[in-house]
Amino acid sequence: MLIERTKDKVMRLELHKVLLYFLVFGFFGWIFETLFVWIEYGKFTCRGYLFQGPVVWGLPLIELYGFGGVIMAVLFGHWKNRPVKIFLAGMTAMTLLELVGSYLCTSLLKTRYWDYSNNFMNFKGRICLSSSIAWGTLSVIGISIVMPRIDRYYYNASDKRYLKINIMILILYAVFCAVFKYLIA
């Protein structure tokens, strides 16, 4: 469970588990998008803002999927065995996140990473029906299949200290890559 009740009845959020969710879901999102674009266009493209050029610069992960996976796990992880609820919640929550993310990327990064203008039932090219359906499907896979495996790994880790150290190293590396790419380079 992501949020646990401790001895003194206070709720606490396991930060290292949240970071692990972010990394795993962001990585699987990178794999999903890379394969999807490769199948659709027949070529490898660099996905995510921490991945650039023909050589890897940063982590192969897409932040939107990482944040979305964390949101889904925190808000709807208790619905592991309710795929219809997960699908509808994921379709709605992730489409909203994609819409907000689209506006943030445009205003903060001055880049438009996706454009659904040619897709059926789109809203200003920022979201569309097929993408929303994909979000619902990915949410079911993420909550019902991937999340239990992450939880099992997390709780069975022989020494959680090493797991926490590894996660912190990855987070520091991601921050370094982002700072170097957007503020220094």
C-alpha atoms as a PDB file:
ATOM      1  CA  MET A   1       0.000   0.000   0.000  1.00  0.00           C
ATOM      2  CA  LEU A   2       1.308   3.409  -0.916  1.00  0.00           C
ATOM      3  CA  ILE A   3      -0.148   5.289   2.040  1.00  0.00           C
ATOM      4  CA  GLU A   4       0.173   3.466   5.344  1.00  0.00           C
ATOM      5  CA  ARG A   5      -1.121   4.006   8.835  1.00  0.00           C
ATOM      6  CA  THR A   6       1.708   4.005  11.367  1.00  0.00           C
ATOM      7  CA  LYS A   7       1.616   3.092  15.058  1.00  0.00           C
ATOM      8  CA  ASP A   8       0.626   6.616  16.059  1.00  0.00           C
ATOM      9  CA  LYS A   9      -2.311   6.521  13.565  1.00  0.00           C
ATOM     10  CA  VAL A  10      -0.691   9.099  11.271  1.00  0.00           C
ATOM     11  CA  MET A  11      -0.880   8.556   7.544  1.00  0.00           C
ATOM     12  CA  ARG A  12       2.459   8.596   5.750  1.00  0.00           C
ATOM     13  CA  LEU A  13       3.323   8.435   2.091  1.00  0.00           C
ATOM     14  CA  GLU A  14       6.244   6.168   1.217  1.00  0.00           C
ATOM     15  CA  LEU A  15       8.353   8.595  -0.822  1.00  0.00           C
ATOM     16  CA  HIS A  16      10.783   5.949  -2.096  1.00  0.00           C
ATOM     17  CA  LYS A  17       7.920   3.823  -3.349  1.00  0.00           C
ATOM     18  CA  VAL A  18       6.423   6.853  -5.111  1.00  0.00           C
ATOM     19  CA  LEU A  19       9.798   7.501  -6.778  1.00  0.00           C
ATOM     20  CA  LEU A  20      10.008   3.858  -7.826  1.00  0.00           C
ATOM     21  CA  TYR A  21       6.523   4.103  -9.373  1.00  0.00           C
ATOM     22  CA  PHE A  22       7.561   7.265 -11.201  1.00  0.00           C
ATOM     23  CA  LEU A  23      10.675   5.651 -12.652  1.00  0.00           C
ATOM     24  CA  VAL A  24       9.016   2.381 -13.652  1.00  0.00           C
ATOM     25  CA  PHE A  25       5.894   3.946 -15.177  1.00  0.00           C
ATOM     26  CA  GLY A  26       7.986   6.624 -16.914  1.00  0.00           C
ATOM     27  CA  PHE A  27      10.264   3.948 -18.380  1.00  0.00           C
ATOM     28  CA  PHE A  28       7.346   1.800 -19.561  1.00  0.00           C
ATOM     29  CA  GLY A  29       5.790   4.919 -21.069  1.00  0.00           C
ATOM     30  CA  TRP A  30       9.017   5.556 -22.947  1.00  0.00           C
ATOM     31  CA  ILE A  31       8.993   1.970 -24.255  1.00  0.00           C
ATOM     32  CA  PHE A  32       5.306   2.258 -25.239  1.00  0.00           C
ATOM     33  CA  GLU A  33       5.725   5.550 -27.097  1.00  0.00           C
ATOM     34  CA  THR A  34       8.985   4.542 -28.748  1.00  0.00           C
ATOM     35  CA  LEU A  35       7.432   1.313 -30.066  1.00  0.00           C
ATOM     36  CA  PHE A  36       4.206   3.048 -31.100  1.00  0.00           C
ATOM     37  CA  VAL A  37       6.022   5.755 -33.050  1.00  0.00           C
ATOM     38  CA  TRP A  38       8.425   3.194 -34.525  1.00  0.00           C
ATOM     39  CA  ILE A  39       5.518   1.065 -35.779  1.00  0.00           C
ATOM     40  CA  GLU A  40       3.581   4.087 -37.053  1.00  0.00           C
ATOM     41  CA  TYR A  41       6.457   5.929 -38.778  1.00  0.00           C
ATOM     42  CA  GLY A  42       8.986   3.143 -39.279  1.00  0.00           C
ATOM     43  CA  LYS A  43      11.829   4.929 -37.515  1.00  0.00           C
ATOM     44  CA  PHE A  44      13.277   5.336 -34.046  1.00  0.00           C
ATOM     45  CA  THR A  45      12.616   8.723 -32.456  1.00  0.00           C
ATOM     46  CA  CYS A  46      13.774  10.118 -29.151  1.00  0.00           C
ATOM     47  CA  ARG A  47      10.877  10.394 -26.747  1.00  0.00           C
ATOM     48  CA  GLY A  48      10.656  12.392 -23.508  1.00  0.00           C
ATOM     49  CA  TYR A  49      12.513  15.531 -22.530  1.00  0.00           C
ATOM     50  CA  LEU A  50      15.347  13.644 -20.802  1.00  0.00           C
ATOM     51  CA  PHE A  51      16.169  11.788 -24.023  1.00  0.00           C
ATOM     52  CA  GLN A  52      17.735  13.668 -26.911  1.00  0.00           C
ATOM     53  CA  GLY A  53      19.523  13.147 -30.202  1.00  0.00           C
ATOM     54  CA  PRO A  54      20.967   9.929 -31.594  1.00  0.00           C
ATOM     55  CA  VAL A  55      22.847   9.325 -28.353  1.00  0.00           C
ATOM     56  CA  VAL A  56      21.130   8.887 -25.011  1.00  0.00           C
ATOM     57  CA  TRP A  57      21.374  12.055 -22.974  1.00  0.00           C
ATOM     58  CA  GLY A  58      19.583  11.384 -19.775  1.00  0.00           C
ATOM     59  CA  LEU A  59      17.110   8.739 -18.783  1.00  0.00           C
ATOM     60  CA  PRO A  60      14.874   6.860 -21.171  1.00  0.00           C
ATOM     61  CA  LEU A  61      11.611   7.837 -19.525  1.00  0.00           C
ATOM     62  CA  ILE A  62       8.656  10.034 -20.266  1.00  0.00           C
ATOM     63  CA  GLU A  63       7.695  12.147 -17.302  1.00  0.00           C
ATOM     64  CA  LEU A  64       3.985  12.354 -18.159  1.00  0.00           C
ATOM     65  CA  TYR A  65       3.712   8.581 -17.798  1.00  0.00           C
ATOM     66  CA  GLY A  66       5.686   8.676 -14.561  1.00  0.00           C
ATOM     67  CA  PHE A  67       3.498  11.358 -13.012  1.00  0.00           C
ATOM     68  CA  GLY A  68       0.381   9.681 -14.376  1.00  0.00           C
ATOM     69  CA  GLY A  69       1.400   6.321 -12.934  1.00  0.00           C
ATOM     70  CA  VAL A  70       1.963   7.880  -9.525  1.00  0.00           C
ATOM     71  CA  ILE A  71      -1.392   9.672  -9.655  1.00  0.00           C
ATOM     72  CA  MET A  72      -3.175   6.496 -10.675  1.00  0.00           C
ATOM     73  CA  ALA A  73      -1.405   4.431  -7.993  1.00  0.00           C
ATOM     74  CA  VAL A  74      -2.134   6.915  -5.212  1.00  0.00           C
ATOM     75  CA  LEU A  75      -5.744   7.667  -6.144  1.00  0.00           C
ATOM     76  CA  PHE A  76      -6.937   4.412  -7.683  1.00  0.00           C
ATOM     77  CA  GLY A  77      -4.458   1.699  -6.659  1.00  0.00           C
ATOM     78  CA  HIS A  78      -7.015   0.184  -4.311  1.00  0.00           C
ATOM     79  CA  TRP A  79      -9.149  -0.719  -7.378  1.00  0.00           C
ATOM     80  CA  LYS A  80      -6.666  -3.355  -8.619  1.00  0.00           C
ATOM     81  CA  ASN A  81      -9.458  -5.846  -9.252  1.00  0.00           C
ATOM     82  CA  ARG A  82     -11.926  -3.385 -10.816  1.00  0.00           C
ATOM     83  CA  PRO A  83     -10.764  -2.936 -14.416  1.00  0.00           C
ATOM     84  CA  VAL A  84     -13.819  -0.977 -15.596  1.00  0.00           C
ATOM     85  CA  LYS A  85     -13.447   1.587 -12.809  1.00  0.00           C
ATOM     86  CA  ILE A  86      -9.707   1.823 -13.443  1.00  0.00           C
ATOM     87  CA  PHE A  87     -10.300   2.246 -17.181  1.00  0.00           C
ATOM     88  CA  LEU A  88     -12.804   5.076 -16.720  1.00  0.00           C
ATOM     89  CA  ALA A  89     -10.787   6.793 -13.992  1.00  0.00           C
ATOM     90  CA  GLY A  90      -7.552   6.429 -15.959  1.00  0.00           C
ATOM     91  CA  MET A  91      -9.121   7.633 -19.168  1.00  0.00           C
ATOM     92  CA  THR A  92     -10.450  10.728 -17.414  1.00  0.00           C
ATOM     93  CA  ALA A  93      -7.527  11.538 -15.090  1.00  0.00           C
ATOM     94  CA  MET A  94      -4.793  10.876 -17.633  1.00  0.00           C
ATOM     95  CA  THR A  95      -6.552  12.801 -20.412  1.00  0.00           C
ATOM     96  CA  LEU A  96      -6.836  15.748 -18.050  1.00  0.00           C
ATOM     97  CA  LEU A  97      -3.142  15.369 -17.138  1.00  0.00           C
ATOM     98  CA  GLU A  98      -2.237  15.227 -20.837  1.00  0.00           C
ATOM     99  CA  LEU A  99      -4.234  18.396 -21.495  1.00  0.00           C
ATOM    100  CA  VAL A 100      -2.614  20.270 -18.604  1.00  0.00           C
ATOM    101  CA  GLY A 101       0.808  18.868 -19.568  1.00  0.00           C
ATOM    102  CA  SER A 102       0.329  20.078 -23.132  1.00  0.00           C
ATOM    103  CA  TYR A 103      -0.325  23.630 -21.973  1.00  0.00           C
ATOM    104  CA  LEU A 104       2.604  23.510 -19.516  1.00  0.00           C
ATOM    105  CA  CYS A 105       5.028  22.246 -22.187  1.00  0.00           C
ATOM    106  CA  THR A 106       3.887  24.950 -24.565  1.00  0.00           C
ATOM    107  CA  SER A 107       4.172  27.764 -22.027  1.00  0.00           C
ATOM    108  CA  LEU A 108       7.221  26.675 -19.997  1.00  0.00           C
ATOM    109  CA  LEU A 109       9.336  24.756 -22.519  1.00  0.00           C
ATOM    110  CA  LYS A 110       8.134  26.608 -25.627  1.00  0.00           C
ATOM    111  CA  THR A 111       7.638  23.247 -27.337  1.00  0.00           C
ATOM    112  CA  ARG A 112       4.633  21.267 -28.444  1.00  0.00           C
ATOM    113  CA  TYR A 113       5.570  17.627 -27.996  1.00  0.00           C
ATOM    114  CA  TRP A 114       2.393  16.163 -29.502  1.00  0.00           C
ATOM    115  CA  ASP A 115      -0.323  17.258 -31.889  1.00  0.00           C
ATOM    116  CA  TYR A 116      -3.547  15.297 -32.364  1.00  0.00           C
ATOM    117  CA  SER A 117      -5.051  17.767 -34.837  1.00  0.00           C
ATOM    118  CA  ASN A 118      -5.519  15.036 -37.442  1.00  0.00           C
ATOM    119  CA  ASN A 119      -7.082  12.563 -35.001  1.00  0.00           C
ATOM    120  CA  PHE A 120     -10.799  11.955 -34.612  1.00  0.00           C
ATOM    121  CA  MET A 121     -12.494  13.877 -31.794  1.00  0.00           C
ATOM    122  CA  ASN A 122      -9.551  16.023 -30.757  1.00  0.00           C
ATOM    123  CA  PHE A 123      -9.527  19.179 -28.673  1.00  0.00           C
ATOM    124  CA  LYS A 124      -7.183  21.779 -30.194  1.00  0.00           C
ATOM    125  CA  GLY A 125      -4.793  18.967 -31.085  1.00  0.00           C
ATOM    126  CA  ARG A 126      -3.901  18.531 -27.407  1.00  0.00           C
ATOM    127  CA  ILE A 127      -6.070  15.506 -26.556  1.00  0.00           C
ATOM    128  CA  CYS A 128      -8.152  13.082 -28.596  1.00  0.00           C
ATOM    129  CA  LEU A 129     -10.463  10.103 -28.197  1.00  0.00           C
ATOM    130  CA  SER A 130      -7.964   7.425 -29.292  1.00  0.00           C
ATOM    131  CA  SER A 131      -5.394   8.762 -26.849  1.00  0.00           C
ATOM    132  CA  SER A 132      -7.976   8.778 -24.047  1.00  0.00           C
ATOM    133  CA  ILE A 133      -8.858   5.157 -24.773  1.00  0.00           C
ATOM    134  CA  ALA A 134      -5.154   4.292 -24.737  1.00  0.00           C
ATOM    135  CA  TRP A 135      -4.796   6.046 -21.352  1.00  0.00           C
ATOM    136  CA  GLY A 136      -7.649   3.966 -19.950  1.00  0.00           C
ATOM    137  CA  THR A 137      -6.114   0.755 -21.251  1.00  0.00           C
ATOM    138  CA  LEU A 138      -2.641   1.648 -19.983  1.00  0.00           C
ATOM    139  CA  SER A 139      -4.152   2.507 -16.584  1.00  0.00           C
ATOM    140  CA  VAL A 140      -5.707  -0.953 -16.312  1.00  0.00           C
ATOM    141  CA  ILE A 141      -2.387  -2.588 -17.252  1.00  0.00           C
ATOM    142  CA  GLY A 142      -0.465  -0.299 -14.894  1.00  0.00           C
ATOM    143  CA  ILE A 143      -2.704  -0.739 -11.852  1.00  0.00           C
ATOM    144  CA  SER A 144      -3.706  -4.377 -12.314  1.00  0.00           C
ATOM    145  CA  ILE A 145      -0.445  -5.881 -13.608  1.00  0.00           C
ATOM    146  CA  VAL A 146       2.571  -3.580 -13.173  1.00  0.00           C
ATOM    147  CA  MET A 147       1.792  -2.010  -9.786  1.00  0.00           C
ATOM    148  CA  PRO A 148       1.448  -5.347  -7.903  1.00  0.00           C
ATOM    149  CA  ARG A 149       4.835  -6.427  -9.285  1.00  0.00           C
ATOM    150  CA  ILE A 150       6.444  -3.149  -8.208  1.00  0.00           C
ATOM    151  CA  ASP A 151       4.893  -3.571  -4.761  1.00  0.00           C
ATOM    152  CA  ARG A 152       6.153  -7.153  -4.504  1.00  0.00           C
ATOM    153  CA  TYR A 153       9.670  -6.075  -5.509  1.00  0.00           C
ATOM    154  CA  TYR A 154       9.622  -3.144  -3.106  1.00  0.00           C
ATOM    155  CA  TYR A 155       8.515  -5.177  -0.098  1.00  0.00           C
ATOM    156  CA  ASN A 156      10.727  -8.169  -0.888  1.00  0.00           C
ATOM    157  CA  ALA A 157      13.898  -6.113  -1.363  1.00  0.00           C
ATOM    158  CA  SER A 158      16.425  -7.701   0.977  1.00  0.00           C
ATOM    159  CA  ASP A 159      17.741  -4.343   2.087  1.00  0.00           C
ATOM    160  CA  LYS A 160      15.516  -1.341   1.451  1.00  0.00           C
ATOM    161  CA  ARG A 161      18.426   0.959   2.178  1.00  0.00           C
ATOM    162  CA  TYR A 162      20.081  -0.055  -1.114  1.00  0.00           C
ATOM    163  CA  LEU A 163      16.805   0.325  -2.973  1.00  0.00           C
ATOM    164  CA  LYS A 164      16.431   3.853  -1.578  1.00  0.00           C
ATOM    165  CA  ILE A 165      20.011   4.739  -2.470  1.00  0.00           C
ATOM    166  CA  ASN A 166      19.525   3.510  -6.041  1.00  0.00           C
ATOM    167  CA  ILE A 167      16.340   5.501  -6.439  1.00  0.00           C
ATOM    168  CA  MET A 168      17.992   8.655  -5.081  1.00  0.00           C
ATOM    169  CA  ILE A 169      20.941   8.240  -7.473  1.00  0.00           C
ATOM    170  CA  LEU A 170      18.539   7.931 -10.419  1.00  0.00           C
ATOM    171  CA  ILE A 171      16.583  10.988  -9.311  1.00  0.00           C
ATOM    172  CA  LEU A 172      19.759  13.063  -8.926  1.00  0.00           C
ATOM    173  CA  TYR A 173      20.904  11.913 -12.360  1.00  0.00           C
ATOM    174  CA  ALA A 174      17.567  12.911 -13.913  1.00  0.00           C
ATOM    175  CA  VAL A 175      17.710  16.336 -12.252  1.00  0.00           C
ATOM    176  CA  PHE A 176      21.281  16.817 -13.452  1.00  0.00           C
ATOM    177  CA  CYS A 177      20.296  15.921 -17.030  1.00  0.00           C
ATOM    178  CA  ALA A 178      17.304  18.261 -16.979  1.00  0.00           C
ATOM    179  CA  VAL A 179      19.278  21.166 -15.500  1.00  0.00           C
ATOM    180  CA  PHE A 180      22.141  20.683 -17.961  1.00  0.00           C
ATOM    181  CA  LYS A 181      19.845  20.367 -20.963  1.00  0.00           C
ATOM    182  CA  TYR A 182      17.550  23.302 -20.198  1.00  0.00           C
ATOM    183  CA  LEU A 183      19.604  25.717 -18.116  1.00  0.00           C
ATOM    184  CA  ILE A 184      23.235  25.222 -19.092  1.00  0.00           C
ATOM    185  CA  ALA A 185      23.408  23.800 -22.647  1.00  0.00           C
END
